[in-house]
């Protein structure tokens, strides 16, 4: 979310920046559509894409469960966060839930240390993680009626149980992460920015901010120092424009791989 000035009503309103990350290259794209958080924005973003989509539990993504060729995956970090929020309210149950989720992460840590291939990771998950998920499911079914419906604990259980099919799919595909923390890391600068620039002057400014965040995020994913890239590329853009050259060669990943762009 990013505050945007509404000049007609003389106040700020909430505008939403969407973020998509390529799981293979790590390239990042921020998208701003007049601040909308509606499901139509997600549809436009994915377009004809078919494959795996990992997200939090925001309802705008539910529509893709019915799209042939798209497999939705959940994020265990978001589920865990719900129980962390419930610790002060019901420490006992929240701690039990967090322990189940911690076991799932332990499997991932062991797979990382062992340098397992996606196929080996999948086999390990099916053997060790899936039984934990089944036990956790029974735990949720048994404890949901014990807590007040509007409590944080109940909401955490409802969130996890409702999304459990989506949260469980990663065990069958070793290429998929247990969470989407990598994209959360890309969003973090946006949250930090809110404390510094406070707001965007209008929708056009927020749209331009999305472009800048996309380029800087892709720099980081490509191992490119953003300042070095900007200093070089900003000097070259006028020449590319005057010559009618294709500027895709100045994109961070291409720039990093092409010595000719740094002559």
Protein backbone atom coordinates (compact mmCIF):
# COMPACT_ATOMS: atom_id res chain seq x y z
CA UNK A 1 0.00 0.00 0.00
CA UNK A 2 1.15 3.52 -0.80
CA UNK A 3 -0.64 6.75 0.20
CA UNK A 4 -1.68 8.84 -2.82
CA UNK A 5 -2.94 12.42 -2.68
CA UNK A 6 -6.56 12.84 -3.73
CA UNK A 7 -6.57 16.46 -4.88
CA UNK A 8 -10.34 16.61 -5.33
CA UNK A 9 -11.06 15.63 -1.74
CA UNK A 10 -7.90 17.22 -0.27
CA UNK A 11 -6.73 14.10 1.50
CA UNK A 12 -4.68 10.98 0.91
CA UNK A 13 -6.17 7.66 -0.09
CA UNK A 14 -4.77 4.15 -0.19
CA UNK A 15 -3.22 3.09 -3.46
CA UNK A 16 -1.97 -0.44 -4.01
CA UNK A 17 1.24 -1.46 -5.75
CA UNK A 18 1.21 -5.04 -7.02
CA UNK A 19 4.46 -6.97 -7.17
CA UNK A 20 5.28 -9.97 -9.36
CA UNK A 21 8.55 -11.88 -9.24
CA UNK A 22 9.90 -14.28 -11.85
CA UNK A 23 10.82 -17.41 -9.89
CA UNK A 24 13.49 -18.39 -12.41
CA UNK A 25 15.36 -15.13 -13.02
CA UNK A 26 14.33 -13.28 -9.87
CA UNK A 27 13.33 -10.25 -11.94
CA UNK A 28 10.74 -8.04 -10.28
CA UNK A 29 7.84 -6.01 -11.63
CA UNK A 30 5.74 -3.56 -9.65
CA UNK A 31 2.41 -2.58 -11.15
CA UNK A 32 0.06 0.28 -10.28
CA UNK A 33 -3.46 0.46 -11.73
CA UNK A 34 -5.05 3.65 -10.37
CA UNK A 35 -4.48 2.24 -6.91
CA UNK A 36 -6.93 -0.62 -7.39
CA UNK A 37 -6.68 -3.80 -5.38
CA UNK A 38 -9.40 -5.54 -7.39
CA UNK A 39 -9.19 -9.00 -8.84
CA UNK A 40 -9.25 -7.62 -12.39
CA UNK A 41 -5.73 -6.25 -11.83
CA UNK A 42 -4.45 -9.73 -10.98
CA UNK A 43 -6.11 -11.11 -14.12
CA UNK A 44 -4.50 -8.45 -16.28
CA UNK A 45 -1.12 -9.03 -14.67
CA UNK A 46 -1.10 -12.76 -15.31
CA UNK A 47 -2.78 -12.52 -18.71
CA UNK A 48 -2.19 -15.77 -20.61
CA UNK A 49 0.39 -17.06 -18.11
CA UNK A 50 0.06 -20.71 -17.20
CA UNK A 51 2.12 -22.30 -14.48
CA UNK A 52 2.60 -22.01 -10.71
CA UNK A 53 1.51 -18.89 -8.84
CA UNK A 54 2.48 -18.42 -5.20
CA UNK A 55 0.80 -15.80 -3.06
CA UNK A 56 -0.67 -14.98 0.30
CA UNK A 57 -4.33 -15.65 1.04
CA UNK A 58 -5.74 -12.45 -0.44
CA UNK A 59 -9.10 -13.34 -1.99
CA UNK A 60 -8.27 -11.76 -5.36
CA UNK A 61 -6.17 -14.84 -6.12
CA UNK A 62 -9.00 -17.32 -5.47
CA UNK A 63 -10.24 -16.91 -9.04
CA UNK A 64 -7.15 -18.71 -10.36
CA UNK A 65 -8.15 -21.96 -8.67
CA UNK A 66 -10.61 -22.34 -11.57
CA UNK A 67 -8.18 -21.42 -14.35
CA UNK A 68 -6.89 -24.44 -16.23
CA UNK A 69 -3.12 -24.52 -16.33
CA UNK A 70 -2.57 -22.43 -13.20
CA UNK A 71 -1.59 -24.06 -9.91
CA UNK A 72 -1.94 -21.87 -6.84
CA UNK A 73 0.51 -22.26 -3.97
CA UNK A 74 0.19 -20.69 -0.53
CA UNK A 75 2.70 -19.09 1.80
CA UNK A 76 3.48 -20.69 5.15
CA UNK A 77 5.16 -17.51 6.38
CA UNK A 78 1.83 -15.68 6.18
CA UNK A 79 0.11 -18.51 8.04
CA UNK A 80 2.78 -18.47 10.75
CA UNK A 81 2.42 -14.71 11.11
CA UNK A 82 -1.26 -15.16 11.98
CA UNK A 83 -0.34 -17.38 14.92
CA UNK A 84 2.43 -15.02 16.02
CA UNK A 85 -0.21 -12.28 16.20
CA UNK A 86 -2.27 -14.56 18.45
CA UNK A 87 0.50 -15.31 20.97
CA UNK A 88 -0.57 -12.69 23.50
CA UNK A 89 -4.18 -13.81 23.28
CA UNK A 90 -3.69 -17.59 23.50
CA UNK A 91 -0.04 -18.44 23.98
CA UNK A 92 -0.60 -22.17 24.42
CA UNK A 93 -2.49 -22.86 21.19
CA UNK A 94 -0.55 -20.33 19.13
CA UNK A 95 2.74 -21.87 20.25
CA UNK A 96 1.56 -25.36 19.34
CA UNK A 97 0.62 -24.19 15.85
CA UNK A 98 3.93 -22.39 15.38
CA UNK A 99 5.76 -25.58 16.39
CA UNK A 100 4.01 -27.51 13.62
CA UNK A 101 5.01 -24.88 11.07
CA UNK A 102 8.56 -24.81 12.44
CA UNK A 103 8.84 -28.53 11.68
CA UNK A 104 8.01 -27.80 8.04
CA UNK A 105 10.73 -25.16 7.88
CA UNK A 106 13.22 -27.53 9.49
CA UNK A 107 12.72 -29.93 6.57
CA UNK A 108 13.52 -27.08 4.18
CA UNK A 109 16.63 -26.12 6.13
CA UNK A 110 17.89 -29.70 6.01
CA UNK A 111 17.21 -29.87 2.26
CA UNK A 112 19.10 -26.61 1.74
CA UNK A 113 22.11 -27.80 3.72
CA UNK A 114 22.18 -31.07 1.82
CA UNK A 115 21.96 -29.28 -1.52
CA UNK A 116 19.08 -31.49 -2.66
CA UNK A 117 17.80 -31.37 -6.21
CA UNK A 118 14.12 -30.43 -6.72
CA UNK A 119 13.30 -34.12 -7.16
CA UNK A 120 15.10 -35.09 -3.95
CA UNK A 121 13.50 -32.19 -2.08
CA UNK A 122 10.08 -33.30 -3.27
CA UNK A 123 10.72 -36.84 -2.03
CA UNK A 124 11.89 -35.54 1.36
CA UNK A 125 8.84 -33.29 1.68
CA UNK A 126 6.43 -36.09 0.89
CA UNK A 127 8.11 -38.32 3.43
CA UNK A 128 8.60 -35.79 6.25
CA UNK A 129 6.52 -32.64 5.66
CA UNK A 130 3.24 -34.10 4.44
CA UNK A 131 2.65 -36.18 7.62
CA UNK A 132 3.21 -33.01 9.68
CA UNK A 133 0.60 -31.17 7.61
CA UNK A 134 -1.91 -33.99 8.09
CA UNK A 135 -1.35 -33.95 11.85
CA UNK A 136 -1.63 -30.16 11.90
CA UNK A 137 -4.91 -30.40 10.01
CA UNK A 138 -6.34 -32.72 12.67
CA UNK A 139 -5.07 -30.34 15.35
CA UNK A 140 -6.90 -27.41 13.74
CA UNK A 141 -10.12 -29.40 13.42
CA UNK A 142 -9.91 -30.37 17.07
CA UNK A 143 -9.18 -26.92 18.50
CA UNK A 144 -11.23 -24.57 16.34
CA UNK A 145 -14.38 -25.03 18.44
CA UNK A 146 -12.45 -24.26 21.62
CA UNK A 147 -11.75 -20.63 20.73
CA UNK A 148 -13.99 -17.61 20.30
CA UNK A 149 -14.98 -17.11 16.64
CA UNK A 150 -13.70 -13.53 16.50
CA UNK A 151 -10.45 -14.20 18.34
CA UNK A 152 -7.08 -13.95 16.63
CA UNK A 153 -6.51 -17.62 17.29
CA UNK A 154 -9.74 -18.58 15.53
CA UNK A 155 -8.89 -16.34 12.59
CA UNK A 156 -5.42 -17.90 12.34
CA UNK A 157 -6.86 -21.41 12.35
CA UNK A 158 -9.56 -20.47 9.83
CA UNK A 159 -6.99 -18.85 7.54
CA UNK A 160 -4.69 -21.88 7.60
CA UNK A 161 -7.44 -24.50 7.35
CA UNK A 162 -9.21 -22.75 4.47
CA UNK A 163 -5.98 -22.43 2.50
CA UNK A 164 -4.55 -25.82 3.47
CA UNK A 165 -4.96 -27.38 0.00
CA UNK A 166 -3.01 -24.46 -1.45
CA UNK A 167 -0.47 -24.52 1.38
CA UNK A 168 0.10 -28.26 0.94
CA UNK A 169 0.84 -28.33 -2.80
CA UNK A 170 4.49 -27.37 -2.41
CA UNK A 171 5.27 -30.85 -1.08
CA UNK A 172 4.63 -32.25 -4.57
CA UNK A 173 6.95 -29.87 -6.40
CA UNK A 174 10.52 -29.41 -5.23
CA UNK A 175 10.87 -26.24 -7.31
CA UNK A 176 8.33 -24.35 -5.21
CA UNK A 177 9.39 -22.55 -2.04
CA UNK A 178 7.60 -23.08 1.24
CA UNK A 179 6.76 -19.37 1.29
CA UNK A 180 6.96 -16.26 -0.85
CA UNK A 181 9.35 -14.39 1.43
CA UNK A 182 11.52 -13.54 -1.56
CA UNK A 183 8.81 -11.26 -2.89
CA UNK A 184 8.20 -9.91 0.60
CA UNK A 185 11.83 -8.78 0.57
CA UNK A 186 11.14 -6.88 -2.65
CA UNK A 187 8.14 -5.16 -1.10
CA UNK A 188 10.05 -4.07 2.01
CA UNK A 189 11.63 -0.98 0.35
CA UNK A 190 8.12 0.23 -0.41
CA UNK A 191 7.24 0.08 3.29
CA UNK A 192 10.47 1.89 4.17
CA UNK A 193 9.72 4.49 1.52
CA UNK A 194 6.40 5.37 3.13
CA UNK A 195 8.32 6.58 6.17
CA UNK A 196 10.52 8.82 4.05
CA UNK A 197 8.43 10.30 1.26
CA UNK A 198 5.06 9.94 3.05
CA UNK A 199 2.92 9.85 -0.13
CA UNK A 200 2.76 10.06 -3.93
CA UNK A 201 1.40 13.27 -5.42
CA UNK A 202 -1.07 11.53 -7.73
CA UNK A 203 -1.74 8.29 -9.61
CA UNK A 204 0.80 9.18 -12.29
CA UNK A 205 3.49 9.57 -9.64
CA UNK A 206 2.58 6.22 -8.09
CA UNK A 207 2.75 4.62 -11.55
CA UNK A 208 6.23 6.05 -12.10
CA UNK A 209 7.25 4.86 -8.64
CA UNK A 210 6.25 1.33 -9.69
CA UNK A 211 8.61 1.58 -12.67
CA UNK A 212 11.50 2.71 -10.48
CA UNK A 213 10.87 -0.02 -7.89
CA UNK A 214 10.76 -2.58 -10.71
CA UNK A 215 14.12 -1.50 -12.11
CA UNK A 216 15.87 -1.28 -8.75
CA UNK A 217 14.43 -4.63 -7.65
CA UNK A 218 15.62 -6.24 -10.87
CA UNK A 219 19.07 -4.72 -10.37
CA UNK A 220 19.32 -6.43 -7.01
CA UNK A 221 18.07 -9.73 -8.44
CA UNK A 222 20.71 -9.55 -11.19
CA UNK A 223 23.50 -8.71 -8.74
CA UNK A 224 23.85 -5.23 -10.20
CA UNK A 225 24.67 -2.22 -8.03
CA UNK A 226 21.67 0.09 -8.63
CA UNK A 227 23.67 3.31 -8.35
CA UNK A 228 26.31 2.11 -10.82
CA UNK A 229 23.61 1.00 -13.25
CA UNK A 230 21.70 4.28 -13.00
CA UNK A 231 24.81 6.41 -13.48
CA UNK A 232 25.72 4.53 -16.64
CA UNK A 233 22.25 4.06 -18.13
CA UNK A 234 20.98 7.61 -17.55
CA UNK A 235 23.90 8.91 -19.60
CA UNK A 236 23.18 6.50 -22.45
CA UNK A 237 19.40 6.84 -22.76
CA UNK A 238 19.52 10.11 -24.81
CA UNK A 239 21.83 8.49 -27.38
CA UNK A 240 19.66 5.39 -27.60
CA UNK A 241 16.60 7.59 -28.15
CA UNK A 242 18.25 9.71 -30.83
CA UNK A 243 19.51 6.63 -32.70
CA UNK A 244 16.24 4.73 -32.29
CA UNK A 245 18.07 1.86 -30.66
CA UNK A 246 16.32 -0.88 -28.70
CA UNK A 247 16.69 0.05 -25.04
CA UNK A 248 16.16 -3.48 -23.75
CA UNK A 249 19.94 -3.70 -23.86
CA UNK A 250 20.02 -1.26 -20.97
CA UNK A 251 17.84 -3.38 -18.69
CA UNK A 252 19.78 -4.50 -15.60
CA UNK A 253 20.28 -8.16 -16.47
CA UNK A 254 21.20 -7.48 -20.10
CA UNK A 255 23.42 -4.59 -19.05
CA UNK A 256 25.26 -6.83 -16.60
CA UNK A 257 25.88 -9.48 -19.25
CA UNK A 258 26.94 -7.17 -22.05
CA UNK A 259 30.32 -5.46 -21.96
CA UNK A 260 29.31 -3.32 -24.93
CA UNK A 261 26.83 -1.36 -22.83
CA UNK A 262 29.64 -0.18 -20.56
CA UNK A 263 32.04 1.08 -23.27
